[in-house]
Amino acid sequence: MQRGAPAALATLEGLIERGLVEVRGHGRGRRYTLAARVYVRQGRKVEYTRQAGFDRLQHEQLVLGFVRQHGKIRRSDAMELCFLNGNQASLLLRRMKEKRLLEAHGQRRWTYYTAVKD
């Protein structure tokens, strides 16, 4: 695309408004993918599901790797590590706790998570 950043952004926003592109993440971690309906129309539903589900698996693996290296993780660490906002990071950590991949220690803003010991 031989356009400047403002023109490229305007084109991208137009694709989002038409439902052809989906946005994932916020800030620097914002990513764009083709929308589900584009994959469906091309008969590539499996590829969309793989693409959409990959983020969740990737985030869990990044968090587990961080915990292995540093012993614990806080919500702010997960936010920075996975380019998530506060609510998304909380949801990720809570989901991992429910799966018994992590255990929580402390309360509210002092909460941190460690690996579940077998």
PDB file of N, CA and C in Angstrom:
ATOM      1  N   MET A   1       0.850  -1.160   0.000  1.00  0.00           N
ATOM      2  CA  MET A   1       0.000   0.000   0.000  1.00  0.00           C
ATOM      3  C   MET A   1       0.897   1.225   0.000  1.00  0.00           C
ATOM      4  N   GLN A   2       0.942   1.902  -1.093  1.00  0.00           N
ATOM      5  CA  GLN A   2       1.784   3.080  -1.214  1.00  0.00           C
ATOM      6  C   GLN A   2       1.012   4.328  -0.776  1.00  0.00           C
ATOM      7  N   ARG A   3       0.637   4.333   0.517  1.00  0.00           N
ATOM      8  CA  ARG A   3      -0.111   5.456   1.068  1.00  0.00           C
ATOM      9  C   ARG A   3       0.525   5.860   2.381  1.00  0.00           C
ATOM     10  N   GLY A   4       0.230   7.040   2.794  1.00  0.00           N
ATOM     11  CA  GLY A   4       0.699   7.489   4.090  1.00  0.00           C
ATOM     12  C   GLY A   4      -0.124   6.841   5.196  1.00  0.00           C
ATOM     13  N   ALA A   5       0.347   6.970   6.420  1.00  0.00           N
ATOM     14  CA  ALA A   5      -0.325   6.352   7.564  1.00  0.00           C
ATOM     15  C   ALA A   5      -1.774   6.819   7.726  1.00  0.00           C
ATOM     16  N   PRO A   6      -2.082   8.116   7.595  1.00  0.00           N
ATOM     17  CA  PRO A   6      -3.486   8.545   7.754  1.00  0.00           C
ATOM     18  C   PRO A   6      -4.420   7.916   6.713  1.00  0.00           C
ATOM     19  N   ALA A   7      -3.979   7.823   5.458  1.00  0.00           N
ATOM     20  CA  ALA A   7      -4.812   7.239   4.406  1.00  0.00           C
ATOM     21  C   ALA A   7      -4.992   5.741   4.625  1.00  0.00           C
ATOM     22  N   ALA A   8      -3.915   5.078   5.031  1.00  0.00           N
ATOM     23  CA  ALA A   8      -4.001   3.642   5.300  1.00  0.00           C
ATOM     24  C   ALA A   8      -4.944   3.371   6.462  1.00  0.00           C
ATOM     25  N   LEU A   9      -4.877   4.179   7.501  1.00  0.00           N
ATOM     26  CA  LEU A   9      -5.759   4.026   8.657  1.00  0.00           C
ATOM     27  C   LEU A   9      -7.217   4.265   8.272  1.00  0.00           C
ATOM     28  N   ALA A  10      -7.469   5.240   7.429  1.00  0.00           N
ATOM     29  CA  ALA A  10      -8.834   5.518   6.970  1.00  0.00           C
ATOM     30  C   ALA A  10      -9.375   4.334   6.175  1.00  0.00           C
ATOM     31  N   THR A  11      -8.559   3.734   5.329  1.00  0.00           N
ATOM     32  CA  THR A  11      -8.968   2.563   4.560  1.00  0.00           C
ATOM     33  C   THR A  11      -9.268   1.401   5.490  1.00  0.00           C
ATOM     34  N   LEU A  12      -8.407   1.190   6.460  1.00  0.00           N
ATOM     35  CA  LEU A  12      -8.600   0.107   7.423  1.00  0.00           C
ATOM     36  C   LEU A  12      -9.886   0.308   8.224  1.00  0.00           C
ATOM     37  N   GLU A  13     -10.146   1.521   8.672  1.00  0.00           N
ATOM     38  CA  GLU A  13     -11.380   1.816   9.409  1.00  0.00           C
ATOM     39  C   GLU A  13     -12.608   1.564   8.537  1.00  0.00           C
ATOM     40  N   GLY A  14     -12.516   1.854   7.252  1.00  0.00           N
ATOM     41  CA  GLY A  14     -13.616   1.576   6.333  1.00  0.00           C
ATOM     42  C   GLY A  14     -13.889   0.085   6.219  1.00  0.00           C
ATOM     43  N   LEU A  15     -12.838  -0.718   6.168  1.00  0.00           N
ATOM     44  CA  LEU A  15     -12.995  -2.178   6.117  1.00  0.00           C
ATOM     45  C   LEU A  15     -13.625  -2.713   7.398  1.00  0.00           C
ATOM     46  N   ILE A  16     -13.259  -2.110   8.534  1.00  0.00           N
ATOM     47  CA  ILE A  16     -13.848  -2.510   9.819  1.00  0.00           C
ATOM     48  C   ILE A  16     -15.335  -2.180   9.822  1.00  0.00           C
ATOM     49  N   GLU A  17     -15.697  -0.975   9.376  1.00  0.00           N
ATOM     50  CA  GLU A  17     -17.100  -0.558   9.346  1.00  0.00           C
ATOM     51  C   GLU A  17     -17.938  -1.443   8.438  1.00  0.00           C
ATOM     52  N   ARG A  18     -17.346  -1.935   7.354  1.00  0.00           N
ATOM     53  CA  ARG A  18     -18.073  -2.818   6.428  1.00  0.00           C
ATOM     54  C   ARG A  18     -18.128  -4.260   6.925  1.00  0.00           C
ATOM     55  N   GLY A  19     -17.452  -4.537   8.036  1.00  0.00           N
ATOM     56  CA  GLY A  19     -17.485  -5.889   8.586  1.00  0.00           C
ATOM     57  C   GLY A  19     -16.552  -6.867   7.896  1.00  0.00           C
ATOM     58  N   LEU A  20     -15.569  -6.357   7.182  1.00  0.00           N
ATOM     59  CA  LEU A  20     -14.624  -7.231   6.482  1.00  0.00           C
ATOM     60  C   LEU A  20     -13.379  -7.520   7.310  1.00  0.00           C
ATOM     61  N   VAL A  21     -13.124  -6.680   8.292  1.00  0.00           N
ATOM     62  CA  VAL A  21     -11.939  -6.814   9.139  1.00  0.00           C
ATOM     63  C   VAL A  21     -12.377  -6.713  10.597  1.00  0.00           C
ATOM     64  N   GLU A  22     -11.755  -7.511  11.467  1.00  0.00           N
ATOM     65  CA  GLU A  22     -12.014  -7.479  12.910  1.00  0.00           C
ATOM     66  C   GLU A  22     -10.781  -6.973  13.633  1.00  0.00           C
ATOM     67  N   VAL A  23     -11.016  -6.316  14.759  1.00  0.00           N
ATOM     68  CA  VAL A  23      -9.934  -5.764  15.568  1.00  0.00           C
ATOM     69  C   VAL A  23      -9.766  -6.620  16.810  1.00  0.00           C
ATOM     70  N   ARG A  24      -8.541  -6.917  17.170  1.00  0.00           N
ATOM     71  CA  ARG A  24      -8.240  -7.647  18.401  1.00  0.00           C
ATOM     72  C   ARG A  24      -7.188  -6.856  19.169  1.00  0.00           C
ATOM     73  N   GLY A  25      -7.406  -6.696  20.476  1.00  0.00           N
ATOM     74  CA  GLY A  25      -6.440  -6.009  21.329  1.00  0.00           C
ATOM     75  C   GLY A  25      -6.621  -4.505  21.318  1.00  0.00           C
ATOM     76  N   HIS A  26      -5.726  -3.845  22.046  1.00  0.00           N
ATOM     77  CA  HIS A  26      -5.783  -2.392  22.213  1.00  0.00           C
ATOM     78  C   HIS A  26      -4.379  -1.825  22.127  1.00  0.00           C
ATOM     79  N   GLY A  27      -4.289  -0.569  21.808  1.00  0.00           N
ATOM     80  CA  GLY A  27      -3.001   0.125  21.817  1.00  0.00           C
ATOM     81  C   GLY A  27      -2.000  -0.497  20.855  1.00  0.00           C
ATOM     82  N   ARG A  28      -0.769  -0.632  21.308  1.00  0.00           N
ATOM     83  CA  ARG A  28       0.282  -1.193  20.462  1.00  0.00           C
ATOM     84  C   ARG A  28       0.022  -2.646  20.102  1.00  0.00           C
ATOM     85  N   GLY A  29      -0.763  -3.333  20.935  1.00  0.00           N
ATOM     86  CA  GLY A  29      -1.047  -4.732  20.683  1.00  0.00           C
ATOM     87  C   GLY A  29      -2.243  -4.957  19.775  1.00  0.00           C
ATOM     88  N   ARG A  30      -2.779  -3.912  19.213  1.00  0.00           N
ATOM     89  CA  ARG A  30      -3.949  -4.023  18.348  1.00  0.00           C
ATOM     90  C   ARG A  30      -3.570  -4.752  17.069  1.00  0.00           C
ATOM     91  N   ARG A  31      -4.393  -5.759  16.738  1.00  0.00           N
ATOM     92  CA  ARG A  31      -4.154  -6.531  15.518  1.00  0.00           C
ATOM     93  C   ARG A  31      -5.431  -6.597  14.702  1.00  0.00           C
ATOM     94  N   TYR A  32      -5.267  -6.771  13.423  1.00  0.00           N
ATOM     95  CA  TYR A  32      -6.403  -6.817  12.516  1.00  0.00           C
ATOM     96  C   TYR A  32      -6.400  -8.159  11.795  1.00  0.00           C
ATOM     97  N   THR A  33      -7.582  -8.767  11.687  1.00  0.00           N
ATOM     98  CA  THR A  33      -7.727 -10.022  10.948  1.00  0.00           C
ATOM     99  C   THR A  33      -8.972  -9.922  10.082  1.00  0.00           C
ATOM    100  N   LEU A  34      -9.029 -10.768   9.071  1.00  0.00           N
ATOM    101  CA  LEU A  34     -10.235 -10.820   8.267  1.00  0.00           C
ATOM    102  C   LEU A  34     -11.394 -11.281   9.132  1.00  0.00           C
ATOM    103  N   ALA A  35     -12.583 -10.779   8.848  1.00  0.00           N
ATOM    104  CA  ALA A  35     -13.773 -11.116   9.623  1.00  0.00           C
ATOM    105  C   ALA A  35     -14.230 -12.539   9.308  1.00  0.00           C
ATOM    106  N   ALA A  36     -15.015 -13.095  10.232  1.00  0.00           N
ATOM    107  CA  ALA A  36     -15.524 -14.462  10.084  1.00  0.00           C
ATOM    108  C   ALA A  36     -16.281 -14.625   8.771  1.00  0.00           C
ATOM    109  N   ARG A  37     -17.075 -13.631   8.405  1.00  0.00           N
ATOM    110  CA  ARG A  37     -17.886 -13.775   7.196  1.00  0.00           C
ATOM    111  C   ARG A  37     -17.042 -13.874   5.924  1.00  0.00           C
ATOM    112  N   VAL A  38     -15.853 -13.292   5.927  1.00  0.00           N
ATOM    113  CA  VAL A  38     -14.954 -13.413   4.781  1.00  0.00           C
ATOM    114  C   VAL A  38     -14.490 -14.860   4.658  1.00  0.00           C
ATOM    115  N   TYR A  39     -14.112 -15.455   5.777  1.00  0.00           N
ATOM    116  CA  TYR A  39     -13.686 -16.854   5.764  1.00  0.00           C
ATOM    117  C   TYR A  39     -14.836 -17.772   5.355  1.00  0.00           C
ATOM    118  N   VAL A  40     -16.033 -17.508   5.866  1.00  0.00           N
ATOM    119  CA  VAL A  40     -17.200 -18.341   5.541  1.00  0.00           C
ATOM    120  C   VAL A  40     -17.490 -18.270   4.048  1.00  0.00           C
ATOM    121  N   ARG A  41     -17.474 -17.085   3.512  1.00  0.00           N
ATOM    122  CA  ARG A  41     -17.768 -16.900   2.088  1.00  0.00           C
ATOM    123  C   ARG A  41     -16.765 -17.639   1.196  1.00  0.00           C
ATOM    124  N   GLN A  42     -15.537 -17.769   1.679  1.00  0.00           N
ATOM    125  CA  GLN A  42     -14.509 -18.478   0.914  1.00  0.00           C
ATOM    126  C   GLN A  42     -14.456 -19.963   1.249  1.00  0.00           C
ATOM    127  N   GLY A  43     -15.368 -20.411   2.129  1.00  0.00           N
ATOM    128  CA  GLY A  43     -15.388 -21.821   2.510  1.00  0.00           C
ATOM    129  C   GLY A  43     -14.206 -22.216   3.383  1.00  0.00           C
ATOM    130  N   ARG A  44     -13.720 -21.289   4.201  1.00  0.00           N
ATOM    131  CA  ARG A  44     -12.528 -21.527   5.028  1.00  0.00           C
ATOM    132  C   ARG A  44     -12.845 -21.313   6.510  1.00  0.00           C
ATOM    133  N   LYS A  45     -13.973 -21.860   6.986  1.00  0.00           N
ATOM    134  CA  LYS A  45     -14.408 -21.669   8.369  1.00  0.00           C
ATOM    135  C   LYS A  45     -13.386 -22.178   9.379  1.00  0.00           C
ATOM    136  N   VAL A  46     -12.757 -23.313   9.071  1.00  0.00           N
ATOM    137  CA  VAL A  46     -11.775 -23.895   9.988  1.00  0.00           C
ATOM    138  C   VAL A  46     -10.598 -22.945  10.200  1.00  0.00           C
ATOM    139  N   GLU A  47     -10.174 -22.306   9.145  1.00  0.00           N
ATOM    140  CA  GLU A  47      -9.046 -21.381   9.255  1.00  0.00           C
ATOM    141  C   GLU A  47      -9.389 -20.184  10.145  1.00  0.00           C
ATOM    142  N   TYR A  48     -10.624 -19.704  10.062  1.00  0.00           N
ATOM    143  CA  TYR A  48     -11.019 -18.593  10.931  1.00  0.00           C
ATOM    144  C   TYR A  48     -10.994 -19.021  12.392  1.00  0.00           C
ATOM    145  N   THR A  49     -11.558 -20.189  12.671  1.00  0.00           N
ATOM    146  CA  THR A  49     -11.596 -20.685  14.042  1.00  0.00           C
ATOM    147  C   THR A  49     -10.182 -20.874  14.574  1.00  0.00           C
ATOM    148  N   ARG A  50      -9.294 -21.392  13.764  1.00  0.00           N
ATOM    149  CA  ARG A  50      -7.905 -21.567  14.180  1.00  0.00           C
ATOM    150  C   ARG A  50      -7.271 -20.220  14.476  1.00  0.00           C
ATOM    151  N   GLN A  51      -7.518 -19.246  13.613  1.00  0.00           N
ATOM    152  CA  GLN A  51      -6.959 -17.901  13.795  1.00  0.00           C
ATOM    153  C   GLN A  51      -7.501 -17.252  15.058  1.00  0.00           C
ATOM    154  N   ALA A  52      -8.814 -17.321  15.267  1.00  0.00           N
ATOM    155  CA  ALA A  52      -9.438 -16.674  16.418  1.00  0.00           C
ATOM    156  C   ALA A  52      -9.045 -17.357  17.720  1.00  0.00           C
ATOM    157  N   GLY A  53      -8.928 -18.673  17.717  1.00  0.00           N
ATOM    158  CA  GLY A  53      -8.593 -19.411  18.929  1.00  0.00           C
ATOM    159  C   GLY A  53      -7.129 -19.353  19.287  1.00  0.00           C
ATOM    160  N   PHE A  54      -6.294 -18.998  18.348  1.00  0.00           N
ATOM    161  CA  PHE A  54      -4.854 -18.995  18.582  1.00  0.00           C
ATOM    162  C   PHE A  54      -4.452 -17.993  19.648  1.00  0.00           C
ATOM    163  N   ASP A  55      -5.077 -16.828  19.663  1.00  0.00           N
ATOM    164  CA  ASP A  55      -4.719 -15.793  20.639  1.00  0.00           C
ATOM    165  C   ASP A  55      -4.835 -16.308  22.069  1.00  0.00           C
ATOM    166  N   ARG A  56      -5.941 -16.970  22.375  1.00  0.00           N
ATOM    167  CA  ARG A  56      -6.170 -17.459  23.732  1.00  0.00           C
ATOM    168  C   ARG A  56      -5.083 -18.459  24.129  1.00  0.00           C
ATOM    169  N   LEU A  57      -4.781 -19.395  23.249  1.00  0.00           N
ATOM    170  CA  LEU A  57      -3.741 -20.390  23.555  1.00  0.00           C
ATOM    171  C   LEU A  57      -2.374 -19.737  23.690  1.00  0.00           C
ATOM    172  N   GLN A  58      -2.101 -18.802  22.818  1.00  0.00           N
ATOM    173  CA  GLN A  58      -0.818 -18.107  22.854  1.00  0.00           C
ATOM    174  C   GLN A  58      -0.668 -17.319  24.158  1.00  0.00           C
ATOM    175  N   HIS A  59      -1.720 -16.659  24.576  1.00  0.00           N
ATOM    176  CA  HIS A  59      -1.669 -15.889  25.822  1.00  0.00           C
ATOM    177  C   HIS A  59      -1.407 -16.808  27.009  1.00  0.00           C
ATOM    178  N   GLU A  60      -2.098 -17.936  27.063  1.00  0.00           N
ATOM    179  CA  GLU A  60      -1.881 -18.872  28.169  1.00  0.00           C
ATOM    180  C   GLU A  60      -0.435 -19.359  28.191  1.00  0.00           C
ATOM    181  N   GLN A  61       0.115 -19.673  27.043  1.00  0.00           N
ATOM    182  CA  GLN A  61       1.492 -20.156  26.988  1.00  0.00           C
ATOM    183  C   GLN A  61       2.481 -19.060  27.399  1.00  0.00           C
ATOM    184  N   LEU A  62       2.220 -17.832  26.998  1.00  0.00           N
ATOM    185  CA  LEU A  62       3.092 -16.727  27.410  1.00  0.00           C
ATOM    186  C   LEU A  62       3.058 -16.544  28.923  1.00  0.00           C
ATOM    187  N   VAL A  63       1.859 -16.603  29.518  1.00  0.00           N
ATOM    188  CA  VAL A  63       1.728 -16.445  30.961  1.00  0.00           C
ATOM    189  C   VAL A  63       2.435 -17.582  31.686  1.00  0.00           C
ATOM    190  N   LEU A  64       2.232 -18.810  31.236  1.00  0.00           N
ATOM    191  CA  LEU A  64       2.898 -19.949  31.885  1.00  0.00           C
ATOM    192  C   LEU A  64       4.420 -19.847  31.767  1.00  0.00           C
ATOM    193  N   GLY A  65       4.912 -19.398  30.631  1.00  0.00           N
ATOM    194  CA  GLY A  65       6.354 -19.205  30.465  1.00  0.00           C
ATOM    195  C   GLY A  65       6.884 -18.136  31.402  1.00  0.00           C
ATOM    196  N   PHE A  66       6.140 -17.053  31.560  1.00  0.00           N
ATOM    197  CA  PHE A  66       6.534 -15.977  32.469  1.00  0.00           C
ATOM    198  C   PHE A  66       6.598 -16.494  33.901  1.00  0.00           C
ATOM    199  N   VAL A  67       5.587 -17.272  34.296  1.00  0.00           N
ATOM    200  CA  VAL A  67       5.558 -17.817  35.664  1.00  0.00           C
ATOM    201  C   VAL A  67       6.726 -18.787  35.874  1.00  0.00           C
ATOM    202  N   ARG A  68       7.037 -19.591  34.875  1.00  0.00           N
ATOM    203  CA  ARG A  68       8.195 -20.503  34.995  1.00  0.00           C
ATOM    204  C   ARG A  68       9.494 -19.717  35.185  1.00  0.00           C
ATOM    205  N   GLN A  69       9.635 -18.610  34.482  1.00  0.00           N
ATOM    206  CA  GLN A  69      10.858 -17.815  34.548  1.00  0.00           C
ATOM    207  C   GLN A  69      10.948 -16.953  35.801  1.00  0.00           C
ATOM    208  N   HIS A  70       9.815 -16.423  36.256  1.00  0.00           N
ATOM    209  CA  HIS A  70       9.842 -15.430  37.334  1.00  0.00           C
ATOM    210  C   HIS A  70       9.130 -15.870  38.612  1.00  0.00           C
ATOM    211  N   GLY A  71       8.491 -17.025  38.588  1.00  0.00           N
ATOM    212  CA  GLY A  71       7.856 -17.553  39.783  1.00  0.00           C
ATOM    213  C   GLY A  71       6.440 -17.078  40.039  1.00  0.00           C
ATOM    214  N   LYS A  72       6.078 -15.919  39.515  1.00  0.00           N
ATOM    215  CA  LYS A  72       4.727 -15.396  39.718  1.00  0.00           C
ATOM    216  C   LYS A  72       4.422 -14.366  38.646  1.00  0.00           C
ATOM    217  N   ILE A  73       3.133 -14.034  38.543  1.00  0.00           N
ATOM    218  CA  ILE A  73       2.707 -13.011  37.579  1.00  0.00           C
ATOM    219  C   ILE A  73       1.580 -12.201  38.207  1.00  0.00           C
ATOM    220  N   ARG A  74       1.563 -10.928  37.923  1.00  0.00           N
ATOM    221  CA  ARG A  74       0.488 -10.035  38.353  1.00  0.00           C
ATOM    222  C   ARG A  74      -0.314  -9.628  37.117  1.00  0.00           C
ATOM    223  N   ARG A  75      -1.479  -9.084  37.357  1.00  0.00           N
ATOM    224  CA  ARG A  75      -2.328  -8.640  36.249  1.00  0.00           C
ATOM    225  C   ARG A  75      -1.587  -7.652  35.349  1.00  0.00           C
ATOM    226  N   SER A  76      -0.859  -6.729  35.952  1.00  0.00           N
ATOM    227  CA  SER A  76      -0.127  -5.733  35.156  1.00  0.00           C
ATOM    228  C   SER A  76       0.927  -6.393  34.269  1.00  0.00           C
ATOM    229  N   ASP A  77       1.545  -7.468  34.769  1.00  0.00           N
ATOM    230  CA  ASP A  77       2.514  -8.215  33.947  1.00  0.00           C
ATOM    231  C   ASP A  77       1.821  -8.853  32.749  1.00  0.00           C
ATOM    232  N   ALA A  78       0.656  -9.460  32.998  1.00  0.00           N
ATOM    233  CA  ALA A  78      -0.103 -10.105  31.924  1.00  0.00           C
ATOM    234  C   ALA A  78      -0.561  -9.077  30.892  1.00  0.00           C
ATOM    235  N   MET A  79      -0.927  -7.885  31.349  1.00  0.00           N
ATOM    236  CA  MET A  79      -1.344  -6.819  30.443  1.00  0.00           C
ATOM    237  C   MET A  79      -0.207  -6.464  29.484  1.00  0.00           C
ATOM    238  N   GLU A  80       0.960  -6.258  30.037  1.00  0.00           N
ATOM    239  CA  GLU A  80       2.117  -5.869  29.228  1.00  0.00           C
ATOM    240  C   GLU A  80       2.583  -7.015  28.341  1.00  0.00           C
ATOM    241  N   LEU A  81       2.623  -8.214  28.899  1.00  0.00           N
ATOM    242  CA  LEU A  81       3.116  -9.387  28.186  1.00  0.00           C
ATOM    243  C   LEU A  81       2.259  -9.726  26.973  1.00  0.00           C
ATOM    244  N   CYS A  82       0.941  -9.668  27.129  1.00  0.00           N
ATOM    245  CA  CYS A  82       0.017 -10.110  26.080  1.00  0.00           C
ATOM    246  C   CYS A  82      -0.673  -8.958  25.351  1.00  0.00           C
ATOM    247  N   PHE A  83      -0.292  -7.711  25.665  1.00  0.00           N
ATOM    248  CA  PHE A  83      -0.911  -6.528  25.061  1.00  0.00           C
ATOM    249  C   PHE A  83      -2.424  -6.540  25.276  1.00  0.00           C
ATOM    250  N   LEU A  84      -2.847  -6.732  26.524  1.00  0.00           N
ATOM    251  CA  LEU A  84      -4.258  -6.760  26.885  1.00  0.00           C
ATOM    252  C   LEU A  84      -4.606  -5.566  27.756  1.00  0.00           C
ATOM    253  N   ASN A  85      -5.878  -5.213  27.793  1.00  0.00           N
ATOM    254  CA  ASN A  85      -6.292  -4.193  28.753  1.00  0.00           C
ATOM    255  C   ASN A  85      -6.531  -4.878  30.104  1.00  0.00           C
ATOM    256  N   GLY A  86      -6.849  -4.113  31.127  1.00  0.00           N
ATOM    257  CA  GLY A  86      -6.992  -4.661  32.471  1.00  0.00           C
ATOM    258  C   GLY A  86      -8.061  -5.730  32.583  1.00  0.00           C
ATOM    259  N   ASN A  87      -9.222  -5.502  31.978  1.00  0.00           N
ATOM    260  CA  ASN A  87     -10.298  -6.485  32.043  1.00  0.00           C
ATOM    261  C   ASN A  87      -9.931  -7.775  31.325  1.00  0.00           C
ATOM    262  N   GLN A  88      -9.282  -7.663  30.168  1.00  0.00           N
ATOM    263  CA  GLN A  88      -8.887  -8.848  29.422  1.00  0.00           C
ATOM    264  C   GLN A  88      -7.848  -9.661  30.190  1.00  0.00           C
ATOM    265  N   ALA A  89      -6.901  -8.979  30.815  1.00  0.00           N
ATOM    266  CA  ALA A  89      -5.881  -9.674  31.593  1.00  0.00           C
ATOM    267  C   ALA A  89      -6.501 -10.372  32.794  1.00  0.00           C
ATOM    268  N   SER A  90      -7.429  -9.708  33.468  1.00  0.00           N
ATOM    269  CA  SER A  90      -8.115 -10.331  34.608  1.00  0.00           C
ATOM    270  C   SER A  90      -8.868 -11.577  34.171  1.00  0.00           C
ATOM    271  N   LEU A  91      -9.555 -11.484  33.055  1.00  0.00           N
ATOM    272  CA  LEU A  91     -10.305 -12.626  32.529  1.00  0.00           C
ATOM    273  C   LEU A  91      -9.372 -13.785  32.184  1.00  0.00           C
ATOM    274  N   LEU A  92      -8.259 -13.479  31.545  1.00  0.00           N
ATOM    275  CA  LEU A  92      -7.280 -14.509  31.201  1.00  0.00           C
ATOM    276  C   LEU A  92      -6.770 -15.216  32.452  1.00  0.00           C
ATOM    277  N   LEU A  93      -6.360 -14.466  33.456  1.00  0.00           N
ATOM    278  CA  LEU A  93      -5.822 -15.061  34.682  1.00  0.00           C
ATOM    279  C   LEU A  93      -6.896 -15.850  35.433  1.00  0.00           C
ATOM    280  N   ARG A  94      -8.109 -15.325  35.459  1.00  0.00           N
ATOM    281  CA  ARG A  94      -9.205 -16.034  36.125  1.00  0.00           C
ATOM    282  C   ARG A  94      -9.514 -17.349  35.406  1.00  0.00           C
ATOM    283  N   ARG A  95      -9.526 -17.311  34.089  1.00  0.00           N
ATOM    284  CA  ARG A  95      -9.771 -18.522  33.297  1.00  0.00           C
ATOM    285  C   ARG A  95      -8.680 -19.563  33.535  1.00  0.00           C
ATOM    286  N   MET A  96      -7.440 -19.123  33.623  1.00  0.00           N
ATOM    287  CA  MET A  96      -6.329 -20.043  33.875  1.00  0.00           C
ATOM    288  C   MET A  96      -6.410 -20.616  35.288  1.00  0.00           C
ATOM    289  N   LYS A  97      -6.907 -19.820  36.224  1.00  0.00           N
ATOM    290  CA  LYS A  97      -7.110 -20.305  37.595  1.00  0.00           C
ATOM    291  C   LYS A  97      -8.203 -21.384  37.607  1.00  0.00           C
ATOM    292  N   GLU A  98      -9.286 -21.141  36.885  1.00  0.00           N
ATOM    293  CA  GLU A  98     -10.372 -22.116  36.809  1.00  0.00           C
ATOM    294  C   GLU A  98      -9.927 -23.421  36.147  1.00  0.00           C
ATOM    295  N   LYS A  99      -8.992 -23.326  35.221  1.00  0.00           N
ATOM    296  CA  LYS A  99      -8.448 -24.522  34.567  1.00  0.00           C
ATOM    297  C   LYS A  99      -7.394 -25.221  35.425  1.00  0.00           C
ATOM    298  N   ARG A 100      -7.107 -24.635  36.597  1.00  0.00           N
ATOM    299  CA  ARG A 100      -6.098 -25.154  37.523  1.00  0.00           C
ATOM    300  C   ARG A 100      -4.688 -25.117  36.928  1.00  0.00           C
ATOM    301  N   LEU A 101      -4.431 -24.090  36.127  1.00  0.00           N
ATOM    302  CA  LEU A 101      -3.081 -23.850  35.623  1.00  0.00           C
ATOM    303  C   LEU A 101      -2.340 -22.890  36.547  1.00  0.00           C
ATOM    304  N   LEU A 102      -3.099 -22.017  37.210  1.00  0.00           N
ATOM    305  CA  LEU A 102      -2.536 -21.035  38.131  1.00  0.00           C
ATOM    306  C   LEU A 102      -3.329 -21.047  39.430  1.00  0.00           C
ATOM    307  N   GLU A 103      -2.677 -20.599  40.501  1.00  0.00           N
ATOM    308  CA  GLU A 103      -3.402 -20.371  41.739  1.00  0.00           C
ATOM    309  C   GLU A 103      -3.152 -18.931  42.184  1.00  0.00           C
ATOM    310  N   ALA A 104      -4.186 -18.334  42.752  1.00  0.00           N
ATOM    311  CA  ALA A 104      -4.134 -16.929  43.157  1.00  0.00           C
ATOM    312  C   ALA A 104      -3.697 -16.804  44.609  1.00  0.00           C
ATOM    313  N   HIS A 105      -2.951 -15.740  44.886  1.00  0.00           N
ATOM    314  CA  HIS A 105      -2.506 -15.404  46.239  1.00  0.00           C
ATOM    315  C   HIS A 105      -2.794 -13.927  46.458  1.00  0.00           C
ATOM    316  N   GLY A 106      -3.285 -13.578  47.634  1.00  0.00           N
ATOM    317  CA  GLY A 106      -3.578 -12.184  47.931  1.00  0.00           C
ATOM    318  C   GLY A 106      -4.951 -11.797  47.438  1.00  0.00           C
ATOM    319  N   GLN A 107      -5.272 -10.519  47.635  1.00  0.00           N
ATOM    320  CA  GLN A 107      -6.590 -10.033  47.246  1.00  0.00           C
ATOM    321  C   GLN A 107      -6.473  -8.709  46.518  1.00  0.00           C
ATOM    322  N   ARG A 108      -7.442  -8.472  45.676  1.00  0.00           N
ATOM    323  CA  ARG A 108      -7.596  -7.232  44.924  1.00  0.00           C
ATOM    324  C   ARG A 108      -6.310  -6.801  44.230  1.00  0.00           C
ATOM    325  N   ARG A 109      -5.828  -5.621  44.486  1.00  0.00           N
ATOM    326  CA  ARG A 109      -4.665  -5.134  43.738  1.00  0.00           C
ATOM    327  C   ARG A 109      -3.354  -5.807  44.130  1.00  0.00           C
ATOM    328  N   TRP A 110      -3.356  -6.576  45.198  1.00  0.00           N
ATOM    329  CA  TRP A 110      -2.137  -7.277  45.604  1.00  0.00           C
ATOM    330  C   TRP A 110      -2.117  -8.735  45.134  1.00  0.00           C
ATOM    331  N   THR A 111      -3.111  -9.122  44.350  1.00  0.00           N
ATOM    332  CA  THR A 111      -3.180 -10.497  43.893  1.00  0.00           C
ATOM    333  C   THR A 111      -2.054 -10.802  42.905  1.00  0.00           C
ATOM    334  N   TYR A 112      -1.464 -11.968  43.099  1.00  0.00           N
ATOM    335  CA  TYR A 112      -0.502 -12.481  42.122  1.00  0.00           C
ATOM    336  C   TYR A 112      -0.791 -13.965  41.937  1.00  0.00           C
ATOM    337  N   TYR A 113      -0.271 -14.527  40.866  1.00  0.00           N
ATOM    338  CA  TYR A 113      -0.569 -15.906  40.513  1.00  0.00           C
ATOM    339  C   TYR A 113       0.723 -16.703  40.366  1.00  0.00           C
ATOM    340  N   THR A 114       0.670 -17.948  40.822  1.00  0.00           N
ATOM    341  CA  THR A 114       1.799 -18.868  40.676  1.00  0.00           C
ATOM    342  C   THR A 114       1.286 -20.139  40.001  1.00  0.00           C
ATOM    343  N   ALA A 115       2.205 -20.967  39.562  1.00  0.00           N
ATOM    344  CA  ALA A 115       1.832 -22.246  38.941  1.00  0.00           C
ATOM    345  C   ALA A 115       1.247 -23.159  39.985  1.00  0.00           C
ATOM    346  N   VAL A 116       0.271 -23.947  39.602  1.00  0.00           N
ATOM    347  CA  VAL A 116      -0.325 -24.933  40.494  1.00  0.00           C
ATOM    348  C   VAL A 116       0.701 -26.046  40.703  1.00  0.00           C
ATOM    349  N   LYS A 117       0.902 -26.391  41.957  1.00  0.00           N
ATOM    350  CA  LYS A 117       1.844 -27.471  42.281  1.00  0.00           C
ATOM    351  C   LYS A 117       1.094 -28.793  42.252  1.00  0.00           C
ATOM    352  N   ASP A 118       1.688 -29.782  41.643  1.00  0.00           N
ATOM    353  CA  ASP A 118       1.044 -31.119  41.565  1.00  0.00           C
ATOM    354  C   ASP A 118       1.035 -31.824  42.880  1.00  0.00           C
TER     355      ASP A 118
END
